[in-house]
């Protein structure tokens, strides 16, 4: 690509410094000049637009999207909202390393994986091979990878659900060290999910200590953000205290109205940890709802029965009575890692009025956009039976939007308190979801997180100023991930750039039908236009698989 000048815009450089007028000159993959009179090559008028660093998504699962045949088109949801770099492999779930054995059955039991394993084409074993492969296939954005703790467990233990033996833990540690040498940015842990939830503190401490020795980040999805939230955050911070690892707490939004008041306590724990000298950061979801299948909404001790067994129980009154008892008795209990205990129960902690049908099976009485309590009232049955009817009609696959993460559609005060914190990093948590028409990215946060942060929370609600809002989605996450040369506009830095209209930027669509955001005009990835004049080019291929510089 020849040199290009983004001329006449307002530069917000990602450091938090005041906005200033000026031009940004790109040559190859680097920024070569910044200033009012800087110019070279093609001149692109960006008058009236903010010119900022490309946005950095600190928490995603696009490692499972990038290898898909339609991956580049699906990733347009992220690039069109200005994301030029994403950190994948979160929540303990990564596609590598796979070790000496390819334990497909154990891997497919992990969240996200089963719906895509037939399509991703496992052409790798190590982190290095995975990064090489996705770069060979072509990336529209930069991708860096965490080594997932659950992947280590599934690789070494298979489907065995117990603490690791000393020999097994040593093998897991060796795989983690290999992954970090191969360029992974750190270790991710997901303690609500199979099989990571079976690990006790000593296992986590030993793995985190390996990350700490390399100054690699530990991204930790706690054991619970509902009834167990205080225990869970104490445990997570304890891992950082004992290992001295840099800790990134994943999506801290409390789940369920009864737990929204925990926000202040969570933030106080983070502040207290920092006073101890611990390096603790956190990220947030900028929406109050999430989506799961009807089967995944069940507490995991019921999921562990298997879909076929659950459907068989749904088929008669006695079976439904058994299921009702199993669900109602699945109360979050600490410690939650022994067999038979649960970290959360979405059905009981959120309630049927917070479970909204996204996929209405054809010929069924369900309506997309209607919550299950309302459906049950309309057709005159018990809400739990309505839930099981939806499970049966969709073979467990109908998506439910569950509302209540740091607020709901009427009250998002807890979420606003999180957004107002200058250290809170917005994240998309982008995951591939199996829908009746194939793999999709069906939630608005996968399309509009960054635009919503800059538009709704910064411009409209004035919870954070523009310069600081840009800092929190650029240099702050880039620095947490130790991504040299990214996250700020500086001469010599990589040419990851977004030009957007601060007056119009906004997310679009609804929870059931999200759309590309407004106001994002140009997105440049390593000097290549991935979006120009609002049009996304999935074949631009400017993205790279990023390997941590300090990994060698």
Foldseek 3Di string as FASTA:
>chain_A
DAKEKAAAAWELWLPLDDIDTWIWIDGFFFTADIGNPDDDDHYDYQHQWYKYFQFEFEFAALLLLLLFPCSLVQLCLVVLQRHQEYEHAAQLQHPDQQPPDNLPVQNLQWPQCVQRVVGRPPPDRHLLRSQVVSLVVFHLHAYAYANGNQSLCCNQVNQDQAEDDPVSLVSSLVRNLRNLLSFHQYYHHRCQIPPRVQYDLVSLLVNQLSRVVLLGEYEYAFNALEPCLVVRLVSQLVSCVNNVHQYEYEANFRFFPVRLVCLVVSVVVVVVSVVVVHRYFYAHALAFKDKDFLLVLAFVLVCVVPLVLLLVLLPDDVSLVVVVVLLVPQDADPPQNDPPHHSDHLPVRHHQQQWAWLDDQPPDQHDHGGGLVVSCVVVVHDSSNSSSVRCNSVSRGTMIMGGGGCAGPVDNVSSLVLLLDLRYAYHLRFGWGQDPVGTHRQFQSSNARLLCSLAVNCPPVVSDDNSSSLNRRFVSSCVSSVPPLTRTRDNPRGPFMWIWNSVQRGWDDDRSHTDHTPTTAWTAHSNWTCHHRSDGDSNSRRYRHGGRPSSD
